[in-house]
């Protein structure tokens, strides 16, 4: 059975696709990084090369959350999406 937090997280993921206005790029990166940390754990693999600006930014945002538990990442994701509504 999914925990209360997991249900809130799943709702926030759905809500994030229907925000009234598109968040700025820094906020979008934070949303991405928290989602990845919550669902996949710490970033793995090599950092994308200099020419892959988007991939590199995503990797760096995710890597900055290294060590954060899935539960903490889920809660931060829920809080962030709620603040954007």
N, C-alpha and C. Protein backbone atom coordinates (compact mmCIF):
# COMPACT_ATOMS: atom_id res chain seq x y z
N UNK A 1 0.84 -1.19 0.00
CA UNK A 1 0.00 0.00 0.00
C UNK A 1 0.88 1.25 0.00
N UNK A 2 0.53 2.19 -0.82
CA UNK A 2 1.31 3.43 -0.91
C UNK A 2 1.12 4.26 0.36
N UNK A 3 2.20 4.86 0.80
CA UNK A 3 2.14 5.71 1.98
C UNK A 3 1.44 7.02 1.63
N UNK A 4 1.08 7.76 2.67
CA UNK A 4 0.44 9.06 2.47
C UNK A 4 1.36 9.98 1.64
N UNK A 5 2.65 9.95 1.96
CA UNK A 5 3.61 10.79 1.24
C UNK A 5 3.68 10.40 -0.23
N UNK A 6 3.69 9.10 -0.51
CA UNK A 6 3.74 8.64 -1.91
C UNK A 6 2.51 9.10 -2.68
N UNK A 7 1.34 9.08 -2.02
CA UNK A 7 0.11 9.55 -2.67
C UNK A 7 0.20 11.05 -2.94
N UNK A 8 0.72 11.81 -1.96
CA UNK A 8 0.89 13.26 -2.16
C UNK A 8 1.88 13.52 -3.30
N UNK A 9 2.94 12.73 -3.35
CA UNK A 9 3.96 12.87 -4.40
C UNK A 9 3.35 12.61 -5.77
N UNK A 10 2.60 11.51 -5.89
CA UNK A 10 1.96 11.17 -7.17
C UNK A 10 1.01 12.28 -7.61
N UNK A 11 0.27 12.85 -6.68
CA UNK A 11 -0.64 13.96 -7.00
C UNK A 11 0.16 15.18 -7.44
N UNK A 12 1.26 15.46 -6.74
CA UNK A 12 2.09 16.61 -7.10
C UNK A 12 2.70 16.45 -8.49
N UNK A 13 3.09 15.21 -8.83
CA UNK A 13 3.63 14.96 -10.18
C UNK A 13 2.56 15.29 -11.22
N UNK A 14 1.33 14.86 -10.98
CA UNK A 14 0.24 15.17 -11.92
C UNK A 14 -0.02 16.68 -11.94
N UNK A 15 -0.04 17.30 -10.76
CA UNK A 15 -0.29 18.74 -10.66
C UNK A 15 0.80 19.55 -11.36
N UNK A 16 2.04 19.04 -11.34
CA UNK A 16 3.16 19.79 -11.92
C UNK A 16 2.98 19.97 -13.43
N UNK A 17 2.19 19.11 -14.04
CA UNK A 17 1.96 19.19 -15.49
C UNK A 17 0.84 20.17 -15.83
N UNK A 18 0.16 20.69 -14.79
CA UNK A 18 -0.99 21.57 -15.02
C UNK A 18 -0.89 22.86 -14.20
N UNK A 19 0.32 23.36 -14.04
CA UNK A 19 0.51 24.60 -13.29
C UNK A 19 -0.05 25.78 -14.09
N UNK A 20 -0.55 26.81 -13.40
CA UNK A 20 -1.13 27.95 -14.10
C UNK A 20 -0.14 28.69 -15.00
N UNK A 21 1.11 28.76 -14.57
CA UNK A 21 2.15 29.38 -15.40
C UNK A 21 3.37 28.47 -15.40
N UNK A 22 4.12 28.53 -16.50
CA UNK A 22 5.33 27.70 -16.60
C UNK A 22 6.41 28.28 -15.69
N UNK A 23 6.96 27.45 -14.80
CA UNK A 23 8.03 27.94 -13.92
C UNK A 23 9.28 28.33 -14.70
N UNK A 24 10.14 29.15 -14.09
CA UNK A 24 11.39 29.51 -14.74
C UNK A 24 12.31 28.29 -14.79
N UNK A 25 13.38 28.42 -15.56
CA UNK A 25 14.27 27.27 -15.78
C UNK A 25 14.89 26.75 -14.50
N UNK A 26 15.27 27.63 -13.58
CA UNK A 26 15.87 27.19 -12.31
C UNK A 26 14.88 26.34 -11.52
N UNK A 27 13.62 26.75 -11.52
CA UNK A 27 12.58 26.00 -10.80
C UNK A 27 12.31 24.67 -11.50
N UNK A 28 12.29 24.69 -12.82
CA UNK A 28 12.10 23.44 -13.57
C UNK A 28 13.22 22.46 -13.28
N UNK A 29 14.44 22.95 -13.18
CA UNK A 29 15.57 22.07 -12.84
C UNK A 29 15.40 21.49 -11.45
N UNK A 30 14.92 22.30 -10.51
CA UNK A 30 14.71 21.83 -9.14
C UNK A 30 13.63 20.75 -9.11
N UNK A 31 12.55 20.97 -9.86
CA UNK A 31 11.47 19.98 -9.95
C UNK A 31 12.03 18.66 -10.51
N UNK A 32 12.80 18.77 -11.59
CA UNK A 32 13.40 17.58 -12.21
C UNK A 32 14.31 16.85 -11.23
N UNK A 33 15.20 17.60 -10.57
CA UNK A 33 16.18 16.99 -9.68
C UNK A 33 15.50 16.30 -8.49
N UNK A 34 14.50 16.95 -7.91
CA UNK A 34 13.79 16.34 -6.78
C UNK A 34 13.06 15.08 -7.23
N UNK A 35 12.45 15.12 -8.41
CA UNK A 35 11.75 13.94 -8.93
C UNK A 35 12.73 12.78 -9.11
N UNK A 36 13.86 13.06 -9.74
CA UNK A 36 14.85 12.01 -9.99
C UNK A 36 15.41 11.46 -8.67
N UNK A 37 15.68 12.33 -7.71
CA UNK A 37 16.21 11.89 -6.42
C UNK A 37 15.18 11.02 -5.70
N UNK A 38 13.91 11.41 -5.78
CA UNK A 38 12.84 10.67 -5.10
C UNK A 38 12.61 9.31 -5.75
N UNK A 39 12.74 9.23 -7.08
CA UNK A 39 12.39 7.99 -7.77
C UNK A 39 13.57 7.10 -8.11
N UNK A 40 14.77 7.68 -8.24
CA UNK A 40 15.92 6.89 -8.67
C UNK A 40 17.10 6.93 -7.70
N UNK A 41 17.06 7.81 -6.71
CA UNK A 41 18.17 7.91 -5.77
C UNK A 41 19.28 8.79 -6.32
N UNK A 42 20.49 8.63 -5.76
CA UNK A 42 21.61 9.47 -6.15
C UNK A 42 21.96 9.30 -7.62
N UNK A 43 22.39 10.40 -8.23
CA UNK A 43 22.78 10.40 -9.64
C UNK A 43 23.95 9.44 -9.86
N UNK A 44 23.93 8.77 -11.00
CA UNK A 44 25.01 7.86 -11.36
C UNK A 44 25.46 8.18 -12.77
N UNK A 45 26.60 7.66 -13.14
CA UNK A 45 27.09 7.85 -14.50
C UNK A 45 27.94 9.10 -14.61
N UNK A 46 28.44 9.31 -15.82
CA UNK A 46 29.32 10.43 -16.07
C UNK A 46 28.53 11.70 -16.35
N UNK A 47 29.12 12.82 -15.98
CA UNK A 47 28.52 14.11 -16.26
C UNK A 47 28.56 14.36 -17.77
N UNK A 48 27.44 14.83 -18.35
CA UNK A 48 27.42 15.09 -19.79
C UNK A 48 28.50 16.10 -20.20
N UNK A 49 28.90 16.04 -21.45
CA UNK A 49 29.97 16.89 -21.97
C UNK A 49 29.58 18.36 -22.07
N UNK A 50 30.58 19.17 -22.37
CA UNK A 50 30.42 20.62 -22.43
C UNK A 50 29.36 21.07 -23.43
N UNK A 51 29.15 20.33 -24.50
CA UNK A 51 28.21 20.75 -25.53
C UNK A 51 26.76 20.40 -25.19
N UNK A 52 26.55 19.54 -24.22
CA UNK A 52 25.20 19.15 -23.80
C UNK A 52 24.77 20.02 -22.62
N UNK A 53 24.38 21.25 -22.92
CA UNK A 53 24.07 22.22 -21.87
C UNK A 53 22.89 21.78 -21.00
N UNK A 54 21.83 21.30 -21.64
CA UNK A 54 20.64 20.89 -20.90
C UNK A 54 20.95 19.66 -20.03
N UNK A 55 21.57 18.66 -20.63
CA UNK A 55 21.92 17.44 -19.89
C UNK A 55 22.84 17.74 -18.72
N UNK A 56 23.77 18.64 -18.95
CA UNK A 56 24.72 19.01 -17.90
C UNK A 56 24.02 19.74 -16.74
N UNK A 57 23.11 20.64 -17.08
CA UNK A 57 22.37 21.38 -16.05
C UNK A 57 21.49 20.42 -15.23
N UNK A 58 20.85 19.49 -15.92
CA UNK A 58 20.02 18.50 -15.21
C UNK A 58 20.88 17.62 -14.29
N UNK A 59 22.00 17.17 -14.82
CA UNK A 59 22.91 16.33 -14.04
C UNK A 59 23.38 17.08 -12.79
N UNK A 60 23.81 18.33 -12.96
CA UNK A 60 24.33 19.12 -11.84
C UNK A 60 23.25 19.36 -10.78
N UNK A 61 22.02 19.65 -11.24
CA UNK A 61 20.92 19.89 -10.29
C UNK A 61 20.63 18.63 -9.49
N UNK A 62 20.64 17.48 -10.17
CA UNK A 62 20.39 16.21 -9.50
C UNK A 62 21.54 15.86 -8.57
N UNK A 63 22.77 16.05 -9.03
CA UNK A 63 23.95 15.72 -8.22
C UNK A 63 24.00 16.56 -6.94
N UNK A 64 23.46 17.77 -6.99
CA UNK A 64 23.46 18.64 -5.80
C UNK A 64 22.61 18.06 -4.67
N UNK A 65 21.73 17.12 -5.00
CA UNK A 65 20.86 16.49 -3.99
C UNK A 65 21.41 15.17 -3.47
N UNK A 66 22.62 14.84 -3.84
CA UNK A 66 23.23 13.56 -3.45
C UNK A 66 23.12 13.36 -1.93
N UNK A 67 22.65 12.19 -1.53
CA UNK A 67 22.53 11.87 -0.12
C UNK A 67 21.16 12.16 0.47
N UNK A 68 20.34 12.93 -0.23
CA UNK A 68 18.98 13.23 0.26
C UNK A 68 18.13 11.97 0.14
N UNK A 69 17.40 11.64 1.18
CA UNK A 69 16.58 10.43 1.14
C UNK A 69 15.41 10.60 0.18
N UNK A 70 14.88 9.48 -0.29
CA UNK A 70 13.74 9.52 -1.20
C UNK A 70 12.56 10.23 -0.54
N UNK A 71 12.33 9.94 0.73
CA UNK A 71 11.22 10.58 1.46
C UNK A 71 11.38 12.08 1.54
N UNK A 72 12.59 12.55 1.85
CA UNK A 72 12.83 14.00 1.93
C UNK A 72 12.66 14.63 0.56
N UNK A 73 13.14 13.97 -0.48
CA UNK A 73 13.01 14.50 -1.85
C UNK A 73 11.54 14.57 -2.25
N UNK A 74 10.77 13.54 -1.90
CA UNK A 74 9.34 13.55 -2.20
C UNK A 74 8.65 14.72 -1.51
N UNK A 75 8.95 14.90 -0.22
CA UNK A 75 8.32 15.98 0.53
C UNK A 75 8.69 17.34 -0.05
N UNK A 76 9.96 17.53 -0.39
CA UNK A 76 10.41 18.80 -0.98
C UNK A 76 9.73 19.03 -2.33
N UNK A 77 9.54 17.97 -3.11
CA UNK A 77 8.87 18.06 -4.40
C UNK A 77 7.42 18.50 -4.20
N UNK A 78 6.74 17.85 -3.26
CA UNK A 78 5.34 18.19 -2.98
C UNK A 78 5.24 19.66 -2.55
N UNK A 79 6.13 20.08 -1.65
CA UNK A 79 6.11 21.47 -1.16
C UNK A 79 6.36 22.47 -2.29
N UNK A 80 7.31 22.14 -3.15
CA UNK A 80 7.66 23.04 -4.26
C UNK A 80 6.49 23.17 -5.23
N UNK A 81 5.89 22.06 -5.62
CA UNK A 81 4.76 22.11 -6.55
C UNK A 81 3.59 22.86 -5.93
N UNK A 82 3.32 22.63 -4.66
CA UNK A 82 2.24 23.35 -3.97
C UNK A 82 2.49 24.86 -3.99
N UNK A 83 3.75 25.26 -3.82
CA UNK A 83 4.07 26.69 -3.79
C UNK A 83 3.90 27.36 -5.16
N UNK A 84 3.85 26.55 -6.23
CA UNK A 84 3.73 27.09 -7.58
C UNK A 84 2.29 27.18 -8.06
N UNK A 85 1.36 26.63 -7.31
CA UNK A 85 -0.04 26.64 -7.72
C UNK A 85 -0.64 28.03 -7.58
